[in-house]
Amino acid sequence: MIWDFVQNQILGMKWLNELIGTGLSNLGLDVGSPMGGSVQFFLYDTVKITILLCFLIFFISYIQSYFPPERSRKILGGFHGIWANCISALLGTVTPFCSCSSIPLFIGFTSAGLPLGVTFSFLISSPMVDLGSLVLLMSIFGSKVAILYVVVGLIIAVVGGTVIEKLHMEKYVESFILTAGGVDIESPDLTKKDRLAYAKEQMLSTFKKVVPYILAGVGIGALIHNWIPEHWIEAALGSNNPFGVILATLVGIPMYADIFGTIPIAEALLFKGAQLGTILSFMMAVTTLSLPSMIMLKKAVKPRLLGLFIGICAVGIILVGYFFNAVQAFIL
């Protein structure tokens, strides 16, 4: 009962939805109509995601202040084999939220001489799995789904990095990166006040960057939730379409957003009857394989390595989707 309260009232903020619905009704708006329901959905999800976003960015940025690039490089350099891939994937969970933010760190780690497979494990896990996704997924799908999502995301990162390492793809990294070398300096010690100031600065900076995607995501979610017929969603992304996972992955790849922009869309799709795994595949594709991040990564690696990276991630995402669809009845 305590966990249900945390999930529904603290993370899910159901009280906020009821409060907004009551307020709109008092203003004369019928929240049972498509227009009234859209307004309620938009206000509720925007406020809820903004509150969670600011809290999570502040918390994660404070943790990040203990892991500047040089310290992270030294930590990764102390592990070897698959353990290095595991630690790299775990470090990716406390880095920025979108794939474009992770690519400069990936380039820095590769330039510093870390094994290519290790740096790719970081690059895969950083946008796909983070502490923010864990909390937000709990607020929508529950703790079982959220924890399982993080676990399978880390598995994709470790397996993907290991495959790239075994194939010895170093020759497909652009030469200017391999010859750049790392800057071997110690990060200055920060006081608690400095770390709090850094966390606040990162929170404000990140929020300004992602708020357009939040508003766009919530707007699309409101449209799906209140205007698109349920049988359309079920036909395209429901259990009757065995190719729904593949379709969702292909649709998600060209898009650009982060976990905060995809959550309201996922929430609306689930409400309309889309399968859980299909929704999660869409979210993973959007956050991991967005077109802008692939354009950035193309500057650092040659086409064959870029294609291998996209292929590993796409296959992993599709397999994850079918897995979640198969176990949906047991975890929802």
C-alpha atoms as a PDB file:
ATOM      1  CA  MET A   1       0.000   0.000   0.000  1.00  0.00           C
ATOM      2  CA  ILE A   2       2.850   2.366   0.763  1.00  0.00           C
ATOM      3  CA  TRP A   3       4.479   1.699  -2.604  1.00  0.00           C
ATOM      4  CA  ASP A   4       1.141   2.140  -4.395  1.00  0.00           C
ATOM      5  CA  PHE A   5       0.829   5.544  -2.734  1.00  0.00           C
ATOM      6  CA  VAL A   6       4.363   6.503  -3.813  1.00  0.00           C
ATOM      7  CA  GLN A   7       3.768   5.338  -7.377  1.00  0.00           C
ATOM      8  CA  ASN A   8       0.306   6.843  -7.839  1.00  0.00           C
ATOM      9  CA  GLN A   9       0.337   9.994  -5.714  1.00  0.00           C
ATOM     10  CA  ILE A  10       4.010  11.026  -5.580  1.00  0.00           C
ATOM     11  CA  LEU A  11       5.475   9.813  -8.881  1.00  0.00           C
ATOM     12  CA  GLY A  12       2.226   9.639 -10.858  1.00  0.00           C
ATOM     13  CA  MET A  13       0.699  12.715  -9.158  1.00  0.00           C
ATOM     14  CA  LYS A  14      -2.871  11.444  -9.604  1.00  0.00           C
ATOM     15  CA  TRP A  15      -3.984  14.094  -7.139  1.00  0.00           C
ATOM     16  CA  LEU A  16      -2.766  16.739  -9.594  1.00  0.00           C
ATOM     17  CA  ASN A  17      -4.864  15.267 -12.409  1.00  0.00           C
ATOM     18  CA  GLU A  18      -7.959  15.295 -10.199  1.00  0.00           C
ATOM     19  CA  LEU A  19      -7.221  18.860  -9.074  1.00  0.00           C
ATOM     20  CA  ILE A  20      -6.837  20.100 -12.652  1.00  0.00           C
ATOM     21  CA  GLY A  21      -9.979  18.223 -13.723  1.00  0.00           C
ATOM     22  CA  THR A  22     -11.997  19.778 -10.891  1.00  0.00           C
ATOM     23  CA  GLY A  23     -10.634  23.237 -11.688  1.00  0.00           C
ATOM     24  CA  LEU A  24     -11.501  22.947 -15.386  1.00  0.00           C
ATOM     25  CA  SER A  25     -14.989  21.662 -14.546  1.00  0.00           C
ATOM     26  CA  ASN A  26     -15.557  24.630 -12.245  1.00  0.00           C
ATOM     27  CA  LEU A  27     -14.594  26.881 -15.146  1.00  0.00           C
ATOM     28  CA  GLY A  28     -17.314  25.284 -17.236  1.00  0.00           C
ATOM     29  CA  LEU A  29     -15.147  23.010 -19.402  1.00  0.00           C
ATOM     30  CA  ASP A  30     -16.408  19.464 -19.932  1.00  0.00           C
ATOM     31  CA  VAL A  31     -13.339  17.285 -19.251  1.00  0.00           C
ATOM     32  CA  GLY A  32     -15.246  14.309 -20.675  1.00  0.00           C
ATOM     33  CA  SER A  33     -15.250  15.872 -24.136  1.00  0.00           C
ATOM     34  CA  PRO A  34     -12.287  15.537 -26.527  1.00  0.00           C
ATOM     35  CA  MET A  35     -11.396  19.215 -26.182  1.00  0.00           C
ATOM     36  CA  GLY A  36     -11.744  19.285 -22.382  1.00  0.00           C
ATOM     37  CA  GLY A  37      -9.871  16.005 -22.042  1.00  0.00           C
ATOM     38  CA  SER A  38      -7.051  17.336 -24.224  1.00  0.00           C
ATOM     39  CA  VAL A  39      -6.719  20.470 -22.089  1.00  0.00           C
ATOM     40  CA  GLN A  40      -6.686  18.385 -18.886  1.00  0.00           C
ATOM     41  CA  PHE A  41      -4.112  15.930 -20.317  1.00  0.00           C
ATOM     42  CA  PHE A  42      -1.885  18.760 -21.560  1.00  0.00           C
ATOM     43  CA  LEU A  43      -1.909  20.704 -18.282  1.00  0.00           C
ATOM     44  CA  TYR A  44      -1.501  17.622 -16.097  1.00  0.00           C
ATOM     45  CA  ASP A  45       1.356  16.029 -18.029  1.00  0.00           C
ATOM     46  CA  THR A  46       3.177  19.325 -18.578  1.00  0.00           C
ATOM     47  CA  VAL A  47       3.156  20.204 -14.877  1.00  0.00           C
ATOM     48  CA  LYS A  48       3.927  16.639 -13.745  1.00  0.00           C
ATOM     49  CA  ILE A  49       6.836  16.140 -16.135  1.00  0.00           C
ATOM     50  CA  THR A  50       8.244  19.596 -15.375  1.00  0.00           C
ATOM     51  CA  ILE A  51       8.280  18.901 -11.633  1.00  0.00           C
ATOM     52  CA  LEU A  52       9.868  15.458 -12.068  1.00  0.00           C
ATOM     53  CA  LEU A  53      12.271  16.808 -14.680  1.00  0.00           C
ATOM     54  CA  CYS A  54      13.631  19.607 -12.518  1.00  0.00           C
ATOM     55  CA  PHE A  55      14.014  17.348  -9.486  1.00  0.00           C
ATOM     56  CA  LEU A  56      15.713  14.575 -11.446  1.00  0.00           C
ATOM     57  CA  ILE A  57      18.090  16.839 -13.354  1.00  0.00           C
ATOM     58  CA  PHE A  58      19.131  18.555 -10.125  1.00  0.00           C
ATOM     59  CA  PHE A  59      19.702  15.209  -8.387  1.00  0.00           C
ATOM     60  CA  ILE A  60      21.514  13.565 -11.295  1.00  0.00           C
ATOM     61  CA  SER A  61      23.640  16.652 -11.970  1.00  0.00           C
ATOM     62  CA  TYR A  62      24.730  16.649  -8.343  1.00  0.00           C
ATOM     63  CA  ILE A  63      25.829  13.025  -8.765  1.00  0.00           C
ATOM     64  CA  GLN A  64      27.534  13.951 -12.043  1.00  0.00           C
ATOM     65  CA  SER A  65      29.661  16.532 -10.261  1.00  0.00           C
ATOM     66  CA  TYR A  66      31.545  13.597  -8.703  1.00  0.00           C
ATOM     67  CA  PHE A  67      32.181  12.035 -12.141  1.00  0.00           C
ATOM     68  CA  PRO A  68      33.836  14.580 -14.443  1.00  0.00           C
ATOM     69  CA  PRO A  69      35.187  13.122 -17.716  1.00  0.00           C
ATOM     70  CA  GLU A  70      38.721  12.647 -16.402  1.00  0.00           C
ATOM     71  CA  ARG A  71      37.591  10.753 -13.304  1.00  0.00           C
ATOM     72  CA  SER A  72      35.215   8.643 -15.402  1.00  0.00           C
ATOM     73  CA  ARG A  73      38.056   7.814 -17.797  1.00  0.00           C
ATOM     74  CA  LYS A  74      40.271   6.707 -14.925  1.00  0.00           C
ATOM     75  CA  ILE A  75      37.502   4.563 -13.448  1.00  0.00           C
ATOM     76  CA  LEU A  76      36.904   2.850 -16.779  1.00  0.00           C
ATOM     77  CA  GLY A  77      40.644   2.400 -17.316  1.00  0.00           C
ATOM     78  CA  GLY A  78      40.843   0.313 -14.168  1.00  0.00           C
ATOM     79  CA  PHE A  79      38.589  -2.446 -15.538  1.00  0.00           C
ATOM     80  CA  HIS A  80      39.134  -4.936 -18.330  1.00  0.00           C
ATOM     81  CA  GLY A  81      37.077  -7.307 -20.452  1.00  0.00           C
ATOM     82  CA  ILE A  82      33.336  -7.493 -20.044  1.00  0.00           C
ATOM     83  CA  TRP A  83      33.570  -5.870 -16.599  1.00  0.00           C
ATOM     84  CA  ALA A  84      34.784  -2.699 -18.296  1.00  0.00           C
ATOM     85  CA  ASN A  85      31.714  -2.769 -20.538  1.00  0.00           C
ATOM     86  CA  CYS A  86      29.455  -3.254 -17.505  1.00  0.00           C
ATOM     87  CA  ILE A  87      30.990  -0.336 -15.599  1.00  0.00           C
ATOM     88  CA  SER A  88      30.863   1.827 -18.727  1.00  0.00           C
ATOM     89  CA  ALA A  89      27.170   1.063 -19.207  1.00  0.00           C
ATOM     90  CA  LEU A  90      26.471   1.874 -15.559  1.00  0.00           C
ATOM     91  CA  LEU A  91      28.363   5.163 -15.829  1.00  0.00           C
ATOM     92  CA  GLY A  92      26.132   6.009 -18.759  1.00  0.00           C
ATOM     93  CA  THR A  93      23.154   6.077 -16.417  1.00  0.00           C
ATOM     94  CA  VAL A  94      24.428   9.227 -14.660  1.00  0.00           C
ATOM     95  CA  THR A  95      25.225  11.232 -17.801  1.00  0.00           C
ATOM     96  CA  PRO A  96      23.082  13.743 -19.754  1.00  0.00           C
ATOM     97  CA  PHE A  97      19.720  12.703 -21.060  1.00  0.00           C
ATOM     98  CA  CYS A  98      19.985  12.794 -24.864  1.00  0.00           C
ATOM     99  CA  SER A  99      22.266  10.987 -27.286  1.00  0.00           C
ATOM    100  CA  CYS A 100      23.679  14.231 -28.712  1.00  0.00           C
ATOM    101  CA  SER A 101      25.001  15.167 -25.259  1.00  0.00           C
ATOM    102  CA  SER A 102      26.704  11.786 -24.872  1.00  0.00           C
ATOM    103  CA  ILE A 103      28.630  11.813 -28.157  1.00  0.00           C
ATOM    104  CA  PRO A 104      31.226  14.427 -27.076  1.00  0.00           C
ATOM    105  CA  LEU A 105      32.001  12.299 -23.995  1.00  0.00           C
ATOM    106  CA  PHE A 106      32.240   9.206 -26.199  1.00  0.00           C
ATOM    107  CA  ILE A 107      34.737  11.019 -28.435  1.00  0.00           C
ATOM    108  CA  GLY A 108      36.734  12.156 -25.404  1.00  0.00           C
ATOM    109  CA  PHE A 109      36.904   8.646 -23.951  1.00  0.00           C
ATOM    110  CA  THR A 110      37.947   7.172 -27.315  1.00  0.00           C
ATOM    111  CA  SER A 111      40.624   9.852 -27.790  1.00  0.00           C
ATOM    112  CA  ALA A 112      41.975   9.067 -24.330  1.00  0.00           C
ATOM    113  CA  GLY A 113      42.709   5.495 -25.424  1.00  0.00           C
ATOM    114  CA  LEU A 114      39.865   3.557 -23.806  1.00  0.00           C
ATOM    115  CA  PRO A 115      38.862   0.372 -25.686  1.00  0.00           C
ATOM    116  CA  LEU A 116      36.336   1.092 -28.435  1.00  0.00           C
ATOM    117  CA  GLY A 117      33.854  -1.496 -27.170  1.00  0.00           C
ATOM    118  CA  VAL A 118      33.890   0.080 -23.714  1.00  0.00           C
ATOM    119  CA  THR A 119      33.168   3.549 -25.087  1.00  0.00           C
ATOM    120  CA  PHE A 120      30.318   2.200 -27.227  1.00  0.00           C
ATOM    121  CA  SER A 121      28.740   0.530 -24.178  1.00  0.00           C
ATOM    122  CA  PHE A 122      28.713   4.010 -22.648  1.00  0.00           C
ATOM    123  CA  LEU A 123      27.291   5.578 -25.815  1.00  0.00           C
ATOM    124  CA  ILE A 124      24.426   3.068 -25.978  1.00  0.00           C
ATOM    125  CA  SER A 125      23.428   3.187 -22.316  1.00  0.00           C
ATOM    126  CA  SER A 126      23.701   6.940 -21.782  1.00  0.00           C
ATOM    127  CA  PRO A 127      20.603   8.044 -23.739  1.00  0.00           C
ATOM    128  CA  MET A 128      18.713   4.745 -23.471  1.00  0.00           C
ATOM    129  CA  VAL A 129      18.956   4.149 -19.711  1.00  0.00           C
ATOM    130  CA  ASP A 130      19.305   6.774 -17.008  1.00  0.00           C
ATOM    131  CA  LEU A 131      17.992   7.474 -13.546  1.00  0.00           C
ATOM    132  CA  GLY A 132      15.428   9.824 -15.043  1.00  0.00           C
ATOM    133  CA  SER A 133      13.946   7.097 -17.228  1.00  0.00           C
ATOM    134  CA  LEU A 134      13.699   4.781 -14.213  1.00  0.00           C
ATOM    135  CA  VAL A 135      11.664   7.263 -12.170  1.00  0.00           C
ATOM    136  CA  LEU A 136       9.478   8.449 -15.043  1.00  0.00           C
ATOM    137  CA  LEU A 137       8.700   4.930 -16.212  1.00  0.00           C
ATOM    138  CA  MET A 138       7.707   4.052 -12.643  1.00  0.00           C
ATOM    139  CA  SER A 139       5.245   6.937 -12.691  1.00  0.00           C
ATOM    140  CA  ILE A 140       3.508   5.555 -15.798  1.00  0.00           C
ATOM    141  CA  PHE A 141       4.071   1.791 -16.027  1.00  0.00           C
ATOM    142  CA  GLY A 142       5.014   0.774 -12.484  1.00  0.00           C
ATOM    143  CA  SER A 143       8.202  -0.440 -10.840  1.00  0.00           C
ATOM    144  CA  LYS A 144       8.364  -3.877 -12.537  1.00  0.00           C
ATOM    145  CA  VAL A 145       8.369  -2.391 -16.025  1.00  0.00           C
ATOM    146  CA  ALA A 146      10.779   0.407 -15.100  1.00  0.00           C
ATOM    147  CA  ILE A 147      13.371  -1.865 -13.491  1.00  0.00           C
ATOM    148  CA  LEU A 148      13.125  -4.443 -16.281  1.00  0.00           C
ATOM    149  CA  TYR A 149      13.500  -1.670 -18.876  1.00  0.00           C
ATOM    150  CA  VAL A 150      16.733  -0.483 -17.242  1.00  0.00           C
ATOM    151  CA  VAL A 151      18.077  -4.047 -16.987  1.00  0.00           C
ATOM    152  CA  VAL A 152      17.463  -4.906 -20.647  1.00  0.00           C
ATOM    153  CA  GLY A 153      18.835  -1.523 -21.706  1.00  0.00           C
ATOM    154  CA  LEU A 154      22.065  -2.212 -19.844  1.00  0.00           C
ATOM    155  CA  ILE A 155      22.224  -5.675 -21.420  1.00  0.00           C
ATOM    156  CA  ILE A 156      21.960  -4.133 -24.908  1.00  0.00           C
ATOM    157  CA  ALA A 157      24.756  -1.697 -24.021  1.00  0.00           C
ATOM    158  CA  VAL A 158      27.073  -4.401 -22.682  1.00  0.00           C
ATOM    159  CA  VAL A 159      26.396  -6.854 -25.522  1.00  0.00           C
ATOM    160  CA  GLY A 160      26.670  -4.135 -28.166  1.00  0.00           C
ATOM    161  CA  GLY A 161      29.976  -2.862 -26.843  1.00  0.00           C
ATOM    162  CA  THR A 162      31.342  -6.401 -26.518  1.00  0.00           C
ATOM    163  CA  VAL A 163      30.420  -7.253 -30.124  1.00  0.00           C
ATOM    164  CA  ILE A 164      32.133  -4.107 -31.415  1.00  0.00           C
ATOM    165  CA  GLU A 165      35.195  -4.912 -29.303  1.00  0.00           C
ATOM    166  CA  LYS A 166      35.419  -8.497 -30.621  1.00  0.00           C
ATOM    167  CA  LEU A 167      35.149  -7.332 -34.246  1.00  0.00           C
ATOM    168  CA  HIS A 168      38.160  -4.978 -33.796  1.00  0.00           C
ATOM    169  CA  MET A 169      36.532  -1.967 -35.450  1.00  0.00           C
ATOM    170  CA  GLU A 170      39.199   0.553 -34.412  1.00  0.00           C
ATOM    171  CA  LYS A 171      40.215   1.181 -38.039  1.00  0.00           C
ATOM    172  CA  TYR A 172      36.744   2.572 -38.685  1.00  0.00           C
ATOM    173  CA  VAL A 173      37.187   5.413 -36.196  1.00  0.00           C
ATOM    174  CA  GLU A 174      38.253   8.694 -37.796  1.00  0.00           C
ATOM    175  CA  SER A 175      42.021   9.173 -37.464  1.00  0.00           C
ATOM    176  CA  PHE A 176      41.819  12.640 -35.898  1.00  0.00           C
ATOM    177  CA  ILE A 177      40.068  11.093 -32.871  1.00  0.00           C
ATOM    178  CA  LEU A 178      42.533   8.243 -32.396  1.00  0.00           C
ATOM    179  CA  THR A 179      45.502  10.628 -32.542  1.00  0.00           C
ATOM    180  CA  ALA A 180      44.031  13.390 -30.392  1.00  0.00           C
ATOM    181  CA  GLY A 181      45.065  11.956 -27.027  1.00  0.00           C
ATOM    182  CA  GLY A 182      43.529  12.784 -23.684  1.00  0.00           C
ATOM    183  CA  VAL A 183      44.119  15.708 -21.404  1.00  0.00           C
ATOM    184  CA  ASP A 184      45.495  14.171 -18.224  1.00  0.00           C
ATOM    185  CA  ILE A 185      44.507  16.671 -15.585  1.00  0.00           C
ATOM    186  CA  GLU A 186      42.906  16.276 -12.190  1.00  0.00           C
ATOM    187  CA  SER A 187      39.497  17.833 -11.760  1.00  0.00           C
ATOM    188  CA  PRO A 188      39.452  20.430  -8.973  1.00  0.00           C
ATOM    189  CA  ASP A 189      37.772  19.495  -5.741  1.00  0.00           C
ATOM    190  CA  LEU A 190      34.363  21.079  -5.383  1.00  0.00           C
ATOM    191  CA  THR A 191      32.672  22.077  -2.171  1.00  0.00           C
ATOM    192  CA  LYS A 192      29.105  21.003  -1.462  1.00  0.00           C
ATOM    193  CA  LYS A 193      28.004  24.563  -2.226  1.00  0.00           C
ATOM    194  CA  ASP A 194      29.784  24.407  -5.595  1.00  0.00           C
ATOM    195  CA  ARG A 195      28.099  21.108  -6.413  1.00  0.00           C
ATOM    196  CA  LEU A 196      24.658  22.473  -5.511  1.00  0.00           C
ATOM    197  CA  ALA A 197      25.306  25.536  -7.686  1.00  0.00           C
ATOM    198  CA  TYR A 198      26.422  23.275 -10.543  1.00  0.00           C
ATOM    199  CA  ALA A 199      23.302  21.123 -10.166  1.00  0.00           C
ATOM    200  CA  LYS A 200      21.067  24.204 -10.240  1.00  0.00           C
ATOM    201  CA  GLU A 201      22.828  25.558 -13.318  1.00  0.00           C
ATOM    202  CA  GLN A 202      22.510  22.206 -15.124  1.00  0.00           C
ATOM    203  CA  MET A 203      18.844  21.951 -14.145  1.00  0.00           C
ATOM    204  CA  LEU A 204      17.998  25.351 -15.621  1.00  0.00           C
ATOM    205  CA  SER A 205      20.148  24.841 -18.709  1.00  0.00           C
ATOM    206  CA  THR A 206      18.756  21.372 -19.473  1.00  0.00           C
ATOM    207  CA  PHE A 207      15.176  22.432 -18.836  1.00  0.00           C
ATOM    208  CA  LYS A 208      15.491  25.296 -21.343  1.00  0.00           C
ATOM    209  CA  LYS A 209      16.794  22.832 -23.940  1.00  0.00           C
ATOM    210  CA  VAL A 210      14.173  20.131 -23.478  1.00  0.00           C
ATOM    211  CA  VAL A 211      11.031  22.157 -22.735  1.00  0.00           C
ATOM    212  CA  PRO A 212      10.114  22.450 -26.456  1.00  0.00           C
ATOM    213  CA  TYR A 213      10.254  18.652 -26.752  1.00  0.00           C
ATOM    214  CA  ILE A 214       8.170  18.245 -23.604  1.00  0.00           C
ATOM    215  CA  LEU A 215       5.478  20.557 -24.944  1.00  0.00           C
ATOM    216  CA  ALA A 216       5.544  18.824 -28.339  1.00  0.00           C
ATOM    217  CA  GLY A 217       5.408  15.385 -26.723  1.00  0.00           C
ATOM    218  CA  VAL A 218       2.540  16.324 -24.416  1.00  0.00           C
ATOM    219  CA  GLY A 219       0.692  17.919 -27.334  1.00  0.00           C
ATOM    220  CA  ILE A 220       1.018  14.738 -29.409  1.00  0.00           C
ATOM    221  CA  GLY A 221       0.017  12.673 -26.380  1.00  0.00           C
ATOM    222  CA  ALA A 222      -3.106  14.803 -25.854  1.00  0.00           C
ATOM    223  CA  LEU A 223      -4.013  14.380 -29.522  1.00  0.00           C
ATOM    224  CA  ILE A 224      -3.606  10.583 -29.354  1.00  0.00           C
ATOM    225  CA  HIS A 225      -5.374  10.346 -25.990  1.00  0.00           C
ATOM    226  CA  ASN A 226      -8.513  12.252 -26.947  1.00  0.00           C
ATOM    227  CA  TRP A 227      -8.881  12.475 -30.706  1.00  0.00           C
ATOM    228  CA  ILE A 228      -7.441   9.358 -32.414  1.00  0.00           C
ATOM    229  CA  PRO A 229      -9.853   6.378 -32.370  1.00  0.00           C
ATOM    230  CA  GLU A 230      -8.722   3.488 -30.206  1.00  0.00           C
ATOM    231  CA  HIS A 231      -9.158   0.910 -32.982  1.00  0.00           C
ATOM    232  CA  TRP A 232      -6.632   2.774 -35.151  1.00  0.00           C
ATOM    233  CA  ILE A 233      -3.930   2.439 -32.488  1.00  0.00           C
ATOM    234  CA  GLU A 234      -4.831  -1.188 -31.794  1.00  0.00           C
ATOM    235  CA  ALA A 235      -4.675  -2.015 -35.503  1.00  0.00           C
ATOM    236  CA  ALA A 236      -1.225  -0.470 -35.954  1.00  0.00           C
ATOM    237  CA  LEU A 237       0.431  -1.146 -32.602  1.00  0.00           C
ATOM    238  CA  GLY A 238      -1.762  -3.710 -30.878  1.00  0.00           C
ATOM    239  CA  SER A 239      -1.430  -7.468 -30.528  1.00  0.00           C
ATOM    240  CA  ASN A 240      -3.098  -8.109 -33.902  1.00  0.00           C
ATOM    241  CA  ASN A 241      -0.142  -6.600 -35.764  1.00  0.00           C
ATOM    242  CA  PRO A 242       2.950  -8.848 -35.396  1.00  0.00           C
ATOM    243  CA  PHE A 243       5.078  -6.172 -37.048  1.00  0.00           C
ATOM    244  CA  GLY A 244       4.046  -3.406 -34.635  1.00  0.00           C
ATOM    245  CA  VAL A 245       7.399  -3.466 -32.810  1.00  0.00           C
ATOM    246  CA  ILE A 246       9.353  -3.120 -36.053  1.00  0.00           C
ATOM    247  CA  LEU A 247       7.032  -0.337 -37.235  1.00  0.00           C
ATOM    248  CA  ALA A 248       7.402   1.564 -33.948  1.00  0.00           C
ATOM    249  CA  THR A 249      11.203   1.245 -34.067  1.00  0.00           C
ATOM    250  CA  LEU A 250      11.416   2.496 -37.659  1.00  0.00           C
ATOM    251  CA  VAL A 251       9.081   5.411 -36.908  1.00  0.00           C
ATOM    252  CA  GLY A 252      11.091   6.368 -33.807  1.00  0.00           C
ATOM    253  CA  ILE A 253      14.572   6.371 -35.390  1.00  0.00           C
ATOM    254  CA  PRO A 254      14.236   9.599 -37.463  1.00  0.00           C
ATOM    255  CA  MET A 255      12.711  11.517 -34.566  1.00  0.00           C
ATOM    256  CA  TYR A 256      14.605  13.516 -31.945  1.00  0.00           C
ATOM    257  CA  ALA A 257      13.524  13.775 -28.338  1.00  0.00           C
ATOM    258  CA  ASP A 258      14.532  12.552 -24.916  1.00  0.00           C
ATOM    259  CA  ILE A 259      12.799  10.405 -22.350  1.00  0.00           C
ATOM    260  CA  PHE A 260      10.775  13.377 -21.095  1.00  0.00           C
ATOM    261  CA  GLY A 261       9.320  14.085 -24.534  1.00  0.00           C
ATOM    262  CA  THR A 262       8.393  10.462 -25.238  1.00  0.00           C
ATOM    263  CA  ILE A 263       6.742   9.655 -21.892  1.00  0.00           C
ATOM    264  CA  PRO A 264       3.416  11.471 -22.590  1.00  0.00           C
ATOM    265  CA  ILE A 265       3.213   9.850 -26.038  1.00  0.00           C
ATOM    266  CA  ALA A 266       3.864   6.439 -24.475  1.00  0.00           C
ATOM    267  CA  GLU A 267       1.218   7.083 -21.827  1.00  0.00           C
ATOM    268  CA  ALA A 268      -1.391   7.965 -24.440  1.00  0.00           C
ATOM    269  CA  LEU A 269      -0.499   4.986 -26.665  1.00  0.00           C
ATOM    270  CA  LEU A 270      -0.834   2.556 -23.738  1.00  0.00           C
ATOM    271  CA  PHE A 271      -4.235   4.029 -22.851  1.00  0.00           C
ATOM    272  CA  LYS A 272      -5.368   3.521 -26.455  1.00  0.00           C
ATOM    273  CA  GLY A 273      -4.426  -0.159 -26.540  1.00  0.00           C
ATOM    274  CA  ALA A 274      -0.870  -0.235 -27.941  1.00  0.00           C
ATOM    275  CA  GLN A 275       1.263  -3.105 -26.627  1.00  0.00           C
ATOM    276  CA  LEU A 276       3.814  -2.338 -23.936  1.00  0.00           C
ATOM    277  CA  GLY A 277       6.830  -3.678 -25.836  1.00  0.00           C
ATOM    278  CA  THR A 278       5.856  -1.759 -28.964  1.00  0.00           C
ATOM    279  CA  ILE A 279       5.706   1.458 -26.935  1.00  0.00           C
ATOM    280  CA  LEU A 280       9.071   0.833 -25.262  1.00  0.00           C
ATOM    281  CA  SER A 281      10.702   0.042 -28.632  1.00  0.00           C
ATOM    282  CA  PHE A 282       9.462   3.393 -29.922  1.00  0.00           C
ATOM    283  CA  MET A 283      10.889   5.174 -26.871  1.00  0.00           C
ATOM    284  CA  MET A 284      14.257   3.417 -27.143  1.00  0.00           C
ATOM    285  CA  ALA A 285      14.532   4.173 -30.869  1.00  0.00           C
ATOM    286  CA  VAL A 286      13.754   7.860 -30.379  1.00  0.00           C
ATOM    287  CA  THR A 287      16.227   8.353 -27.522  1.00  0.00           C
ATOM    288  CA  THR A 288      19.079   6.160 -28.830  1.00  0.00           C
ATOM    289  CA  LEU A 289      19.049   6.407 -32.627  1.00  0.00           C
ATOM    290  CA  SER A 290      17.764   9.899 -33.352  1.00  0.00           C
ATOM    291  CA  LEU A 291      18.795  11.337 -36.722  1.00  0.00           C
ATOM    292  CA  PRO A 292      20.661  14.389 -35.295  1.00  0.00           C
ATOM    293  CA  SER A 293      22.811  12.202 -33.040  1.00  0.00           C
ATOM    294  CA  MET A 294      23.626   9.837 -35.929  1.00  0.00           C
ATOM    295  CA  ILE A 295      24.736  12.832 -38.008  1.00  0.00           C
ATOM    296  CA  MET A 296      27.034  13.908 -35.151  1.00  0.00           C
ATOM    297  CA  LEU A 297      28.392  10.393 -34.708  1.00  0.00           C
ATOM    298  CA  LYS A 298      29.134  10.128 -38.442  1.00  0.00           C
ATOM    299  CA  LYS A 299      31.766  12.841 -37.950  1.00  0.00           C
ATOM    300  CA  ALA A 300      33.621  10.553 -35.533  1.00  0.00           C
ATOM    301  CA  VAL A 301      33.280   7.096 -37.095  1.00  0.00           C
ATOM    302  CA  LYS A 302      33.252   5.697 -40.604  1.00  0.00           C
ATOM    303  CA  PRO A 303      30.079   4.357 -42.277  1.00  0.00           C
ATOM    304  CA  ARG A 304      30.761   0.685 -41.573  1.00  0.00           C
ATOM    305  CA  LEU A 305      31.107   1.241 -37.815  1.00  0.00           C
ATOM    306  CA  LEU A 306      28.134   3.616 -37.785  1.00  0.00           C
ATOM    307  CA  GLY A 307      26.036   1.016 -39.603  1.00  0.00           C
ATOM    308  CA  LEU A 308      27.109  -1.684 -37.149  1.00  0.00           C
ATOM    309  CA  PHE A 309      26.183   0.542 -34.196  1.00  0.00           C
ATOM    310  CA  ILE A 310      22.748   1.311 -35.670  1.00  0.00           C
ATOM    311  CA  GLY A 311      22.193  -2.363 -36.509  1.00  0.00           C
ATOM    312  CA  ILE A 312      23.113  -3.604 -33.030  1.00  0.00           C
ATOM    313  CA  CYS A 313      20.882  -1.031 -31.355  1.00  0.00           C
ATOM    314  CA  ALA A 314      17.960  -1.592 -33.739  1.00  0.00           C
ATOM    315  CA  VAL A 315      18.058  -5.390 -33.374  1.00  0.00           C
ATOM    316  CA  GLY A 316      18.368  -5.080 -29.588  1.00  0.00           C
ATOM    317  CA  ILE A 317      15.460  -2.630 -29.420  1.00  0.00           C
ATOM    318  CA  ILE A 318      13.236  -4.872 -31.553  1.00  0.00           C
ATOM    319  CA  LEU A 319      14.058  -7.951 -29.463  1.00  0.00           C
ATOM    320  CA  VAL A 320      13.302  -5.986 -26.289  1.00  0.00           C
ATOM    321  CA  GLY A 321       9.950  -4.949 -27.755  1.00  0.00           C
ATOM    322  CA  TYR A 322       8.889  -8.505 -28.517  1.00  0.00           C
ATOM    323  CA  PHE A 323      10.103  -9.624 -25.091  1.00  0.00           C
ATOM    324  CA  PHE A 324       7.981  -7.028 -23.282  1.00  0.00           C
ATOM    325  CA  ASN A 325       4.971  -7.862 -25.441  1.00  0.00           C
ATOM    326  CA  ALA A 326       5.354 -11.521 -24.460  1.00  0.00           C
ATOM    327  CA  VAL A 327       5.502 -10.796 -20.716  1.00  0.00           C
ATOM    328  CA  GLN A 328       3.109  -7.820 -20.645  1.00  0.00           C
ATOM    329  CA  ALA A 329       0.340  -9.776 -18.917  1.00  0.00           C
ATOM    330  CA  PHE A 330       2.681 -10.689 -16.047  1.00  0.00           C
ATOM    331  CA  ILE A 331       4.223  -7.284 -15.319  1.00  0.00           C
ATOM    332  CA  LEU A 332       1.368  -4.825 -15.795  1.00  0.00           C
END
